[in-house]
Amino acid sequence: MAKIKHLAFEKFLALHLKKAGKISARLSQKMESKRFNRLERLRYLASLAERTEAQTTLPLTIGREVSLTQYGVLGHSFMQSRSLEELFQNIHRNLWVLDPNNRSGLTFRKVDREFQLIYPEPPIWPELPYFFLDLFFSALLQQSRELSGWPLE
């Protein structure tokens, strides 16, 4: 199994911080240390980014910016999905990449003509209680739009 070092969202949060003048080479070195796993690095960057933002829509913006092509091998497997149902099943199977502490925390089911993805225990960061969930579902909607070409709601 390949070891995932960085999440696609990190690049966009880091770019946001760089534009705001809040990230430096020293910070990058600190984040590369073994003290941070990928989810902790995301939390740290999110925390820094939230302090530079006056708006609370940052996770929604970041989620929309990440294209399927930027998820590496995982994104390639997502792009091979022949339907949204297959995409959601693939995301369900691979949640461990994003949330290594909660490998089976996502429930997927199809009810009539609707898909339901339920994430009852996402990582909750007290300083940013909705950041992760907003980021996750914003990215999921973007992936669905990108794969289907439809203006999904």
N, C-alpha and C. Protein backbone atom coordinates (compact mmCIF):
# COMPACT_ATOMS: atom_id res chain seq x y z
N MET A 1 0.84 -1.18 0.00
CA MET A 1 0.00 0.00 0.00
C MET A 1 0.89 1.25 0.00
N ALA A 2 0.60 2.21 -0.85
CA ALA A 2 1.37 3.44 -0.94
C ALA A 2 1.13 4.30 0.30
N LYS A 3 2.18 4.97 0.72
CA LYS A 3 2.06 5.87 1.86
C LYS A 3 1.72 7.27 1.35
N ILE A 4 0.64 7.81 1.84
CA ILE A 4 0.18 9.13 1.44
C ILE A 4 0.82 10.15 2.38
N LYS A 5 1.64 11.04 1.84
CA LYS A 5 2.30 12.03 2.67
C LYS A 5 1.53 13.34 2.75
N HIS A 6 0.96 13.76 1.61
CA HIS A 6 0.29 15.05 1.54
C HIS A 6 -1.10 14.92 0.95
N LEU A 7 -2.01 15.71 1.46
CA LEU A 7 -3.35 15.77 0.91
C LEU A 7 -3.40 16.88 -0.13
N ALA A 8 -4.22 16.70 -1.14
CA ALA A 8 -4.33 17.69 -2.22
C ALA A 8 -4.72 19.07 -1.68
N PHE A 9 -5.49 19.10 -0.62
CA PHE A 9 -5.94 20.38 -0.06
C PHE A 9 -4.78 21.22 0.48
N GLU A 10 -3.72 20.56 0.92
CA GLU A 10 -2.59 21.28 1.51
C GLU A 10 -2.01 22.30 0.55
N LYS A 11 -1.85 21.90 -0.70
CA LYS A 11 -1.27 22.79 -1.71
C LYS A 11 -2.07 24.09 -1.80
N PHE A 12 -3.39 24.00 -1.81
CA PHE A 12 -4.22 25.18 -1.97
C PHE A 12 -4.26 26.03 -0.70
N LEU A 13 -4.24 25.39 0.45
CA LEU A 13 -4.16 26.17 1.69
C LEU A 13 -2.80 26.86 1.79
N ALA A 14 -1.74 26.16 1.39
CA ALA A 14 -0.40 26.76 1.42
C ALA A 14 -0.31 27.94 0.45
N LEU A 15 -0.90 27.81 -0.75
CA LEU A 15 -0.91 28.93 -1.70
C LEU A 15 -1.67 30.12 -1.12
N HIS A 16 -2.78 29.84 -0.48
CA HIS A 16 -3.57 30.90 0.16
C HIS A 16 -2.72 31.62 1.21
N LEU A 17 -2.00 30.85 2.02
CA LEU A 17 -1.16 31.42 3.06
C LEU A 17 0.02 32.18 2.48
N LYS A 18 0.58 31.67 1.40
CA LYS A 18 1.72 32.33 0.76
C LYS A 18 1.29 33.69 0.23
N LYS A 19 0.11 33.75 -0.41
CA LYS A 19 -0.41 35.02 -0.92
C LYS A 19 -0.62 36.02 0.20
N ALA A 20 -1.04 35.51 1.36
CA ALA A 20 -1.29 36.38 2.52
C ALA A 20 0.00 36.70 3.27
N GLY A 21 1.13 36.13 2.83
CA GLY A 21 2.41 36.38 3.49
C GLY A 21 2.53 35.69 4.83
N LYS A 22 1.82 34.59 5.03
CA LYS A 22 1.81 33.90 6.33
C LYS A 22 2.57 32.59 6.34
N ILE A 23 3.21 32.23 5.24
CA ILE A 23 3.94 30.97 5.20
C ILE A 23 5.38 31.25 4.77
N SER A 24 6.30 30.53 5.36
CA SER A 24 7.71 30.73 5.06
C SER A 24 8.39 29.37 4.90
N ALA A 25 9.65 29.39 4.51
CA ALA A 25 10.42 28.15 4.36
C ALA A 25 10.54 27.45 5.71
N ARG A 26 10.68 28.22 6.77
CA ARG A 26 10.80 27.65 8.12
C ARG A 26 9.53 26.87 8.49
N LEU A 27 8.39 27.44 8.15
CA LEU A 27 7.12 26.76 8.41
C LEU A 27 7.04 25.47 7.61
N SER A 28 7.46 25.52 6.36
CA SER A 28 7.44 24.32 5.53
C SER A 28 8.30 23.22 6.13
N GLN A 29 9.47 23.57 6.63
CA GLN A 29 10.35 22.57 7.26
C GLN A 29 9.70 21.98 8.50
N LYS A 30 9.08 22.81 9.29
CA LYS A 30 8.41 22.34 10.51
C LYS A 30 7.30 21.36 10.15
N MET A 31 6.56 21.67 9.09
CA MET A 31 5.46 20.81 8.69
C MET A 31 5.93 19.49 8.12
N GLU A 32 7.13 19.45 7.56
CA GLU A 32 7.67 18.22 7.01
C GLU A 32 8.21 17.29 8.09
N SER A 33 8.35 17.81 9.29
CA SER A 33 8.88 16.98 10.36
C SER A 33 7.92 15.83 10.65
N LYS A 34 8.42 14.84 11.29
CA LYS A 34 7.62 13.64 11.58
C LYS A 34 6.54 13.89 12.64
N ARG A 35 6.57 15.05 13.25
CA ARG A 35 5.58 15.35 14.29
C ARG A 35 4.18 15.53 13.71
N PHE A 36 4.09 15.88 12.44
CA PHE A 36 2.80 16.13 11.82
C PHE A 36 2.42 14.99 10.89
N ASN A 37 1.25 14.38 11.09
CA ASN A 37 0.74 13.47 10.07
C ASN A 37 -0.08 14.32 9.10
N ARG A 38 -0.60 13.73 8.04
CA ARG A 38 -1.26 14.53 7.00
C ARG A 38 -2.51 15.25 7.51
N LEU A 39 -3.25 14.66 8.41
CA LEU A 39 -4.44 15.32 8.93
C LEU A 39 -4.07 16.45 9.89
N GLU A 40 -3.01 16.26 10.67
CA GLU A 40 -2.55 17.33 11.56
C GLU A 40 -2.00 18.51 10.77
N ARG A 41 -1.32 18.20 9.66
CA ARG A 41 -0.78 19.27 8.80
C ARG A 41 -1.94 20.07 8.20
N LEU A 42 -2.98 19.38 7.78
CA LEU A 42 -4.15 20.06 7.22
C LEU A 42 -4.79 20.95 8.29
N ARG A 43 -4.90 20.44 9.48
CA ARG A 43 -5.49 21.21 10.58
C ARG A 43 -4.65 22.45 10.88
N TYR A 44 -3.35 22.28 10.90
CA TYR A 44 -2.44 23.40 11.18
C TYR A 44 -2.56 24.48 10.11
N LEU A 45 -2.54 24.06 8.84
CA LEU A 45 -2.68 25.02 7.74
C LEU A 45 -4.05 25.69 7.78
N ALA A 46 -5.08 24.92 8.05
CA ALA A 46 -6.44 25.47 8.12
C ALA A 46 -6.52 26.52 9.23
N SER A 47 -5.91 26.23 10.34
CA SER A 47 -5.92 27.15 11.46
C SER A 47 -5.21 28.46 11.10
N LEU A 48 -4.06 28.35 10.45
CA LEU A 48 -3.34 29.55 10.00
C LEU A 48 -4.16 30.33 8.98
N ALA A 49 -4.76 29.61 8.04
CA ALA A 49 -5.53 30.26 6.98
C ALA A 49 -6.77 30.96 7.54
N GLU A 50 -7.43 30.33 8.48
CA GLU A 50 -8.63 30.93 9.07
C GLU A 50 -8.31 32.24 9.78
N ARG A 51 -7.11 32.32 10.36
CA ARG A 51 -6.71 33.56 11.05
C ARG A 51 -6.48 34.70 10.08
N THR A 52 -6.18 34.39 8.82
CA THR A 52 -5.93 35.43 7.82
C THR A 52 -7.20 35.83 7.08
N GLU A 53 -8.27 35.07 7.26
CA GLU A 53 -9.51 35.29 6.52
C GLU A 53 -10.54 36.02 7.35
N ALA A 54 -11.23 36.92 6.71
CA ALA A 54 -12.35 37.58 7.37
C ALA A 54 -13.64 36.79 7.10
N GLN A 55 -13.61 35.96 6.08
CA GLN A 55 -14.80 35.19 5.70
C GLN A 55 -14.73 33.76 6.23
N THR A 56 -15.87 33.13 6.35
CA THR A 56 -15.91 31.75 6.83
C THR A 56 -16.12 30.76 5.70
N THR A 57 -16.01 31.22 4.47
CA THR A 57 -16.24 30.35 3.32
C THR A 57 -14.94 29.73 2.79
N LEU A 58 -13.85 29.88 3.47
CA LEU A 58 -12.57 29.37 2.99
C LEU A 58 -12.60 27.87 2.68
N PRO A 59 -13.13 27.00 3.56
CA PRO A 59 -13.13 25.58 3.21
C PRO A 59 -13.96 25.27 1.96
N LEU A 60 -15.02 26.03 1.73
CA LEU A 60 -15.84 25.83 0.53
C LEU A 60 -15.05 26.24 -0.71
N THR A 61 -14.32 27.32 -0.60
CA THR A 61 -13.49 27.80 -1.71
C THR A 61 -12.38 26.81 -2.03
N ILE A 62 -11.68 26.34 -1.01
CA ILE A 62 -10.58 25.40 -1.20
C ILE A 62 -11.11 24.10 -1.81
N GLY A 63 -12.21 23.59 -1.30
CA GLY A 63 -12.79 22.35 -1.83
C GLY A 63 -13.14 22.44 -3.30
N ARG A 64 -13.60 23.61 -3.74
CA ARG A 64 -13.97 23.80 -5.15
C ARG A 64 -12.74 23.94 -6.05
N GLU A 65 -11.61 24.35 -5.49
CA GLU A 65 -10.41 24.58 -6.30
C GLU A 65 -9.66 23.30 -6.65
N VAL A 66 -9.84 22.25 -5.88
CA VAL A 66 -9.06 21.03 -6.09
C VAL A 66 -9.72 20.16 -7.16
N SER A 67 -8.99 19.96 -8.24
CA SER A 67 -9.47 19.14 -9.35
C SER A 67 -9.12 17.68 -9.10
N LEU A 68 -9.87 16.79 -9.72
CA LEU A 68 -9.59 15.35 -9.61
C LEU A 68 -8.16 15.02 -10.00
N THR A 69 -7.61 15.78 -10.93
CA THR A 69 -6.24 15.51 -11.39
C THR A 69 -5.20 15.76 -10.31
N GLN A 70 -5.57 16.48 -9.26
CA GLN A 70 -4.60 16.83 -8.23
C GLN A 70 -4.62 15.88 -7.03
N TYR A 71 -5.39 14.81 -7.13
CA TYR A 71 -5.43 13.82 -6.06
C TYR A 71 -4.47 12.66 -6.33
N GLY A 72 -3.63 12.79 -7.34
CA GLY A 72 -2.66 11.74 -7.65
C GLY A 72 -3.33 10.46 -8.12
N VAL A 73 -2.78 9.32 -7.67
CA VAL A 73 -3.30 8.02 -8.07
C VAL A 73 -4.76 7.86 -7.66
N LEU A 74 -5.09 8.37 -6.50
CA LEU A 74 -6.48 8.30 -6.03
C LEU A 74 -7.41 9.05 -6.98
N GLY A 75 -6.98 10.23 -7.42
CA GLY A 75 -7.77 11.00 -8.37
C GLY A 75 -7.94 10.26 -9.69
N HIS A 76 -6.89 9.57 -10.10
CA HIS A 76 -6.97 8.78 -11.33
C HIS A 76 -8.03 7.69 -11.18
N SER A 77 -8.05 7.04 -10.03
CA SER A 77 -9.07 6.00 -9.83
C SER A 77 -10.47 6.62 -9.77
N PHE A 78 -10.59 7.83 -9.21
CA PHE A 78 -11.89 8.51 -9.19
C PHE A 78 -12.34 8.82 -10.61
N MET A 79 -11.40 9.25 -11.46
CA MET A 79 -11.74 9.61 -12.84
C MET A 79 -12.17 8.40 -13.66
N GLN A 80 -11.81 7.20 -13.21
CA GLN A 80 -12.21 5.99 -13.93
C GLN A 80 -13.63 5.57 -13.60
N SER A 81 -14.25 6.24 -12.65
CA SER A 81 -15.64 5.91 -12.27
C SER A 81 -16.56 6.11 -13.46
N ARG A 82 -17.45 5.16 -13.68
CA ARG A 82 -18.37 5.23 -14.81
C ARG A 82 -19.69 5.89 -14.45
N SER A 83 -19.86 6.18 -13.17
CA SER A 83 -21.09 6.84 -12.72
C SER A 83 -20.80 7.53 -11.40
N LEU A 84 -21.72 8.39 -10.99
CA LEU A 84 -21.57 9.03 -9.68
C LEU A 84 -21.66 7.99 -8.57
N GLU A 85 -22.49 6.99 -8.76
CA GLU A 85 -22.60 5.93 -7.76
C GLU A 85 -21.25 5.24 -7.57
N GLU A 86 -20.57 4.95 -8.65
CA GLU A 86 -19.25 4.32 -8.56
C GLU A 86 -18.24 5.26 -7.92
N LEU A 87 -18.31 6.55 -8.24
CA LEU A 87 -17.43 7.53 -7.60
C LEU A 87 -17.64 7.53 -6.10
N PHE A 88 -18.89 7.58 -5.65
CA PHE A 88 -19.19 7.62 -4.22
C PHE A 88 -18.74 6.33 -3.52
N GLN A 89 -18.89 5.20 -4.18
CA GLN A 89 -18.41 3.94 -3.61
C GLN A 89 -16.88 3.97 -3.46
N ASN A 90 -16.22 4.53 -4.46
CA ASN A 90 -14.77 4.64 -4.43
C ASN A 90 -14.32 5.57 -3.30
N ILE A 91 -14.99 6.68 -3.13
CA ILE A 91 -14.68 7.60 -2.04
C ILE A 91 -14.92 6.90 -0.70
N HIS A 92 -16.02 6.17 -0.61
CA HIS A 92 -16.33 5.42 0.61
C HIS A 92 -15.21 4.44 0.95
N ARG A 93 -14.73 3.71 -0.05
CA ARG A 93 -13.65 2.74 0.14
C ARG A 93 -12.32 3.38 0.53
N ASN A 94 -12.11 4.60 0.07
CA ASN A 94 -10.80 5.24 0.25
C ASN A 94 -10.80 6.39 1.25
N LEU A 95 -11.77 6.44 2.12
CA LEU A 95 -11.83 7.51 3.12
C LEU A 95 -10.58 7.53 4.00
N TRP A 96 -9.96 6.38 4.18
CA TRP A 96 -8.77 6.28 5.03
C TRP A 96 -7.66 7.24 4.60
N VAL A 97 -7.64 7.62 3.32
CA VAL A 97 -6.60 8.54 2.85
C VAL A 97 -6.78 9.90 3.51
N LEU A 98 -8.01 10.36 3.57
CA LEU A 98 -8.30 11.66 4.15
C LEU A 98 -8.38 11.60 5.67
N ASP A 99 -8.98 10.56 6.18
CA ASP A 99 -9.23 10.45 7.62
C ASP A 99 -8.69 9.11 8.12
N PRO A 100 -7.37 9.01 8.38
CA PRO A 100 -6.77 7.74 8.76
C PRO A 100 -7.27 7.19 10.10
N ASN A 101 -7.88 8.03 10.91
CA ASN A 101 -8.36 7.59 12.22
C ASN A 101 -9.77 7.01 12.16
N ASN A 102 -10.44 7.13 11.03
CA ASN A 102 -11.85 6.73 10.95
C ASN A 102 -12.09 6.05 9.60
N ARG A 103 -11.51 4.89 9.42
CA ARG A 103 -11.53 4.20 8.13
C ARG A 103 -12.92 3.83 7.63
N SER A 104 -13.86 3.62 8.50
CA SER A 104 -15.20 3.22 8.05
C SER A 104 -16.24 4.23 8.50
N GLY A 105 -15.87 5.48 8.59
CA GLY A 105 -16.76 6.49 9.13
C GLY A 105 -17.77 7.07 8.17
N LEU A 106 -17.72 6.65 6.93
CA LEU A 106 -18.62 7.20 5.92
C LEU A 106 -19.62 6.12 5.52
N THR A 107 -20.89 6.48 5.47
CA THR A 107 -21.93 5.55 5.04
C THR A 107 -22.44 6.02 3.69
N PHE A 108 -22.51 5.09 2.76
CA PHE A 108 -23.02 5.41 1.43
C PHE A 108 -24.23 4.54 1.16
N ARG A 109 -25.30 5.15 0.67
CA ARG A 109 -26.46 4.37 0.25
C ARG A 109 -27.23 5.13 -0.83
N LYS A 110 -27.95 4.35 -1.60
CA LYS A 110 -28.79 4.90 -2.66
C LYS A 110 -30.24 4.70 -2.24
N VAL A 111 -30.98 5.79 -2.18
CA VAL A 111 -32.38 5.75 -1.80
C VAL A 111 -33.17 6.34 -2.96
N ASP A 112 -33.98 5.50 -3.57
CA ASP A 112 -34.72 5.89 -4.78
C ASP A 112 -33.70 6.37 -5.83
N ARG A 113 -33.77 7.63 -6.21
CA ARG A 113 -32.85 8.15 -7.21
C ARG A 113 -31.83 9.10 -6.61
N GLU A 114 -31.68 9.06 -5.31
CA GLU A 114 -30.74 9.96 -4.62
C GLU A 114 -29.64 9.16 -3.95
N PHE A 115 -28.48 9.76 -3.90
CA PHE A 115 -27.35 9.17 -3.18
C PHE A 115 -27.23 9.88 -1.84
N GLN A 116 -26.94 9.10 -0.83
CA GLN A 116 -26.72 9.68 0.49
C GLN A 116 -25.34 9.27 0.98
N LEU A 117 -24.55 10.26 1.29
CA LEU A 117 -23.27 10.04 1.94
C LEU A 117 -23.40 10.64 3.33
N ILE A 118 -23.21 9.82 4.31
CA ILE A 118 -23.38 10.26 5.70
C ILE A 118 -22.03 10.09 6.39
N TYR A 119 -21.57 11.16 7.00
CA TYR A 119 -20.27 11.19 7.66
C TYR A 119 -20.52 11.60 9.11
N PRO A 120 -20.95 10.65 9.94
CA PRO A 120 -21.40 11.00 11.28
C PRO A 120 -20.30 11.44 12.25
N GLU A 121 -19.07 11.02 12.02
CA GLU A 121 -17.99 11.38 12.96
C GLU A 121 -16.75 11.90 12.22
N PRO A 122 -16.89 13.04 11.54
CA PRO A 122 -15.72 13.60 10.87
C PRO A 122 -14.76 14.17 11.91
N PRO A 123 -13.54 14.41 11.52
CA PRO A 123 -12.64 15.09 12.46
C PRO A 123 -13.23 16.45 12.83
N ILE A 124 -13.36 16.68 14.11
CA ILE A 124 -13.86 17.97 14.59
C ILE A 124 -12.70 18.65 15.30
N TRP A 125 -12.36 19.81 14.82
CA TRP A 125 -11.29 20.58 15.43
C TRP A 125 -11.96 21.71 16.21
N PRO A 126 -11.81 21.74 17.52
CA PRO A 126 -12.53 22.74 18.34
C PRO A 126 -12.35 24.18 17.85
N GLU A 127 -11.16 24.50 17.35
CA GLU A 127 -10.92 25.87 16.89
C GLU A 127 -11.55 26.14 15.51
N LEU A 128 -11.88 25.06 14.79
CA LEU A 128 -12.49 25.17 13.46
C LEU A 128 -13.54 24.06 13.32
N PRO A 129 -14.65 24.13 14.05
CA PRO A 129 -15.56 22.99 14.14
C PRO A 129 -16.15 22.49 12.82
N TYR A 130 -16.34 23.36 11.83
CA TYR A 130 -16.98 22.93 10.58
C TYR A 130 -16.03 22.90 9.39
N PHE A 131 -14.79 23.29 9.61
CA PHE A 131 -13.85 23.42 8.50
C PHE A 131 -13.70 22.11 7.72
N PHE A 132 -13.40 21.03 8.41
CA PHE A 132 -13.13 19.76 7.75
C PHE A 132 -14.37 19.27 6.99
N LEU A 133 -15.51 19.33 7.63
CA LEU A 133 -16.74 18.85 7.00
C LEU A 133 -17.11 19.70 5.78
N ASP A 134 -16.99 21.03 5.89
CA ASP A 134 -17.26 21.91 4.75
C ASP A 134 -16.28 21.63 3.61
N LEU A 135 -15.03 21.43 3.94
CA LEU A 135 -14.01 21.12 2.94
C LEU A 135 -14.32 19.79 2.26
N PHE A 136 -14.65 18.77 3.03
CA PHE A 136 -14.93 17.44 2.50
C PHE A 136 -16.11 17.46 1.52
N PHE A 137 -17.24 18.02 1.95
CA PHE A 137 -18.42 17.99 1.09
C PHE A 137 -18.31 18.97 -0.08
N SER A 138 -17.60 20.06 0.08
CA SER A 138 -17.35 20.96 -1.04
C SER A 138 -16.51 20.26 -2.10
N ALA A 139 -15.48 19.54 -1.67
CA ALA A 139 -14.64 18.79 -2.60
C ALA A 139 -15.42 17.66 -3.26
N LEU A 140 -16.27 16.99 -2.50
CA LEU A 140 -17.09 15.91 -3.05
C LEU A 140 -18.03 16.44 -4.13
N LEU A 141 -18.64 17.58 -3.88
CA LEU A 141 -19.53 18.18 -4.88
C LEU A 141 -18.73 18.57 -6.13
N GLN A 142 -17.54 19.13 -5.92
CA GLN A 142 -16.70 19.51 -7.06
C GLN A 142 -16.29 18.27 -7.87
N GLN A 143 -15.92 17.19 -7.20
CA GLN A 143 -15.56 15.96 -7.90
C GLN A 143 -16.74 15.44 -8.71
N SER A 144 -17.91 15.50 -8.12
CA SER A 144 -19.13 15.02 -8.80
C SER A 144 -19.43 15.87 -10.04
N ARG A 145 -19.29 17.17 -9.91
CA ARG A 145 -19.52 18.06 -11.06
C ARG A 145 -18.50 17.80 -12.15
N GLU A 146 -17.24 17.65 -11.73
CA GLU A 146 -16.17 17.45 -12.70
C GLU A 146 -16.34 16.13 -13.46
N LEU A 147 -16.71 15.09 -12.74
CA LEU A 147 -16.87 13.79 -13.37
C LEU A 147 -18.11 13.73 -14.26
N SER A 148 -19.19 14.32 -13.81
CA SER A 148 -20.45 14.21 -14.56
C SER A 148 -20.64 15.30 -15.60
N GLY A 149 -20.02 16.47 -15.36
CA GLY A 149 -20.26 17.60 -16.25
C GLY A 149 -21.60 18.26 -16.00
N TRP A 150 -22.28 17.90 -14.92
CA TRP A 150 -23.60 18.43 -14.60
C TRP A 150 -23.49 19.52 -13.53
N PRO A 151 -24.37 20.50 -13.55
CA PRO A 151 -24.40 21.53 -12.49
C PRO A 151 -25.14 21.00 -11.26
N LEU A 152 -24.51 20.12 -10.52
CA LEU A 152 -25.17 19.47 -9.38
C LEU A 152 -25.37 20.41 -8.22
N GLU A 153 -26.39 20.12 -7.44
CA GLU A 153 -26.66 20.86 -6.21
C GLU A 153 -26.41 19.97 -5.02
